Amino acid sequence: MTEDSTVFGGRDKLREGIKEAYKRFKPKAIFVTTSCASAIIGDDIKSITDEMEKEIKIPVVPVFCEGFRSKI
């Protein structure tokens, strides 16, 4: 996410990213992970993945991991 998408939402960038991943790699499924920033600004990841799943005809799975902590 960029500063702009953190302020104004990342809906369009996410849609573009999913389309680009599908176009480049032709995967059998795409997984979209959330972040603290997407949770704070309230992006509706589920509705975006649902829309994209219908459009590109493969599973687009949201993985909700806001606030996930790593030991890395």
C-alpha atoms as a PDB file:
ATOM      1  CA  MET A   1       0.000   0.000   0.000  1.00  0.00           C
ATOM      2  CA  THR A   2       1.137   3.517  -0.740  1.00  0.00           C
ATOM      3  CA  GLU A   3       0.433   6.617   1.314  1.00  0.00           C
ATOM      4  CA  ASP A   4      -2.426   7.507  -1.040  1.00  0.00           C
ATOM      5  CA  SER A   5      -4.076   4.097  -0.748  1.00  0.00           C
ATOM      6  CA  THR A   6      -3.668   4.215   3.023  1.00  0.00           C
ATOM      7  CA  VAL A   7      -5.579   7.492   3.095  1.00  0.00           C
ATOM      8  CA  PHE A   8      -8.094   6.938   0.295  1.00  0.00           C
ATOM      9  CA  GLY A   9      -8.403   3.144   0.323  1.00  0.00           C
ATOM     10  CA  GLY A  10      -6.744   0.472  -1.751  1.00  0.00           C
ATOM     11  CA  ARG A  11      -9.773  -1.023  -3.501  1.00  0.00           C
ATOM     12  CA  ASP A  12      -8.730  -0.130  -7.063  1.00  0.00           C
ATOM     13  CA  LYS A  13      -5.088  -1.088  -6.531  1.00  0.00           C
ATOM     14  CA  LEU A  14      -6.129  -4.452  -5.119  1.00  0.00           C
ATOM     15  CA  ARG A  15      -8.388  -5.152  -8.104  1.00  0.00           C
ATOM     16  CA  GLU A  16      -5.556  -4.189 -10.487  1.00  0.00           C
ATOM     17  CA  GLY A  17      -3.089  -6.367  -8.582  1.00  0.00           C
ATOM     18  CA  ILE A  18      -5.363  -9.398  -8.684  1.00  0.00           C
ATOM     19  CA  LYS A  19      -5.945  -8.944 -12.430  1.00  0.00           C
ATOM     20  CA  GLU A  20      -2.208  -8.559 -13.062  1.00  0.00           C
ATOM     21  CA  ALA A  21      -1.359 -11.663 -11.013  1.00  0.00           C
ATOM     22  CA  TYR A  22      -3.951 -13.657 -12.952  1.00  0.00           C
ATOM     23  CA  LYS A  23      -2.745 -12.349 -16.316  1.00  0.00           C
ATOM     24  CA  ARG A  24       0.939 -13.023 -15.593  1.00  0.00           C
ATOM     25  CA  PHE A  25       0.850 -16.316 -13.737  1.00  0.00           C
ATOM     26  CA  LYS A  26      -2.489 -18.004 -14.598  1.00  0.00           C
ATOM     27  CA  PRO A  27      -2.795 -19.437 -11.063  1.00  0.00           C
ATOM     28  CA  LYS A  28      -5.474 -21.917  -9.999  1.00  0.00           C
ATOM     29  CA  ALA A  29      -6.272 -19.649  -7.023  1.00  0.00           C
ATOM     30  CA  ILE A  30      -5.198 -16.303  -5.587  1.00  0.00           C
ATOM     31  CA  PHE A  31      -4.893 -15.595  -1.857  1.00  0.00           C
ATOM     32  CA  VAL A  32      -5.152 -12.002  -0.616  1.00  0.00           C
ATOM     33  CA  THR A  33      -3.767 -11.236   2.825  1.00  0.00           C
ATOM     34  CA  THR A  34      -4.912  -8.248   4.823  1.00  0.00           C
ATOM     35  CA  SER A  35      -2.683  -5.904   6.786  1.00  0.00           C
ATOM     36  CA  CYS A  36      -3.009  -3.563   9.724  1.00  0.00           C
ATOM     37  CA  ALA A  37      -3.370  -0.635   7.315  1.00  0.00           C
ATOM     38  CA  SER A  38      -6.204  -2.230   5.339  1.00  0.00           C
ATOM     39  CA  ALA A  39      -8.016  -2.982   8.602  1.00  0.00           C
ATOM     40  CA  ILE A  40      -7.551   0.523   9.981  1.00  0.00           C
ATOM     41  CA  ILE A  41      -8.927   2.231   6.870  1.00  0.00           C
ATOM     42  CA  GLY A  42     -11.724  -0.311   6.576  1.00  0.00           C
ATOM     43  CA  ASP A  43     -11.157  -1.696   3.084  1.00  0.00           C
ATOM     44  CA  ASP A  44     -13.779  -4.376   2.429  1.00  0.00           C
ATOM     45  CA  ILE A  45     -11.434  -7.111   1.245  1.00  0.00           C
ATOM     46  CA  LYS A  46     -14.159  -9.775   1.221  1.00  0.00           C
ATOM     47  CA  SER A  47     -16.365  -7.908  -1.250  1.00  0.00           C
ATOM     48  CA  ILE A  48     -13.395  -7.190  -3.513  1.00  0.00           C
ATOM     49  CA  THR A  49     -12.288 -10.832  -3.563  1.00  0.00           C
ATOM     50  CA  ASP A  50     -15.879 -11.952  -4.206  1.00  0.00           C
ATOM     51  CA  GLU A  51     -16.152  -9.566  -7.180  1.00  0.00           C
ATOM     52  CA  MET A  52     -12.819 -10.644  -8.618  1.00  0.00           C
ATOM     53  CA  GLU A  53     -13.614 -14.338  -8.203  1.00  0.00           C
ATOM     54  CA  LYS A  54     -16.670 -13.871 -10.423  1.00  0.00           C
ATOM     55  CA  GLU A  55     -14.687 -11.837 -12.940  1.00  0.00           C
ATOM     56  CA  ILE A  56     -11.629 -14.081 -13.384  1.00  0.00           C
ATOM     57  CA  LYS A  57     -13.378 -17.403 -12.643  1.00  0.00           C
ATOM     58  CA  ILE A  58     -10.882 -18.823 -10.133  1.00  0.00           C
ATOM     59  CA  PRO A  59     -10.976 -18.835  -6.311  1.00  0.00           C
ATOM     60  CA  VAL A  60      -9.822 -15.509  -4.835  1.00  0.00           C
ATOM     61  CA  VAL A  61      -9.485 -16.157  -1.121  1.00  0.00           C
ATOM     62  CA  PRO A  62      -9.168 -13.426   1.520  1.00  0.00           C
ATOM     63  CA  VAL A  63      -6.860 -14.274   4.430  1.00  0.00           C
ATOM     64  CA  PHE A  64      -7.643 -12.027   7.378  1.00  0.00           C
ATOM     65  CA  CYS A  65      -4.452 -11.505   9.382  1.00  0.00           C
ATOM     66  CA  GLU A  66      -4.696  -7.957  10.709  1.00  0.00           C
ATOM     67  CA  GLY A  67      -2.586  -7.576  13.787  1.00  0.00           C
ATOM     68  CA  PHE A  68      -0.587 -10.738  13.056  1.00  0.00           C
ATOM     69  CA  ARG A  69       2.752 -10.687  14.824  1.00  0.00           C
ATOM     70  CA  SER A  70       5.907 -12.362  13.670  1.00  0.00           C
ATOM     71  CA  LYS A  71       9.134 -13.173  15.453  1.00  0.00           C
ATOM     72  CA  ILE A  72      11.129 -12.179  12.373  1.00  0.00           C
END
